Amino acid sequence: MLLNYKEPISKEKQKIAGFTLLEVILATALITVILVAAYNMLFFGIFTYESVSESSLVSVEIQPVIAQIERDVRQARKPNDTQNSVVRIDGHELIVHTDITGDGKPEQIRYKIESGELKRSYRLPQGSQYPYSYSGNYSNEKVLIRNIINNDVFPMPYDPDPFNPAIHDKERKEKVTEPEHDYSPPDHRRKLNIRFVIDDSTVRGGNLEIQKFLMSRSRVEAD
């Protein structure tokens, strides 16, 4: 009698008993790939959500400024025989004639870009009725937007593609000098394009860009 005899384990039973080393390696690699993909998707989703949230926050802060410019331009009126209601000095400066004090007389409002900042100031009109004149320094200056990085905030009006840098300035000026229609009485409305590109460290992935087309409503002179 053999007390220590053990029946040999067949190869089929060995296969059933567990996984081979190759199977373990393949399973581990597959799980790793799935986990990495899931992490990347989650990280990208969080990154996208934060980017949209931060961009929206910056945009919300700027929208009141855009609304103020739009309101000034919309209510602008021609102050005298030689000046228009809205005057584009260049890509960095804009003059708007609008009553902002409630006395019925249009103040001369200046929007100007200096050192990447949009500043708003104004001066009071001289005279009690049309035509009005303006002199002296601008006062009540306020900084409305910071970190502006584009050069042409106020592009040339009546431009078919005002945000295309490939169009030469000479072509833009020739486009502006085209004669307008003759109305009776004359139509003193003015069109305006504005474009802000803002560099903000709180916005992930780049800058915030805002474009707007505006038009003054008044066809007549100020009272």
Foldseek 3Di string as FASTA:
>chain_A
DDPPDDDDDDPVVVVVVDDDPVVVVVVVVVVVVVVVVVVVVVVVVVVVVQQVVLLVVVVVLQVVVVVVVQVQQQQFFAQADPDAQKDDPFLFKIWHFHDPPPPLGTWIWMWGADQQWTKIWTFDWPDDFPNTDDDDDTDPIDTRDGQFDDRRQKFQPQDPCRPDPVDDPVVSVVSVPDDDDCDVVAFRKDKTKGKTWGDDPSNPPGTHIDIDIHMYNDRHHGD
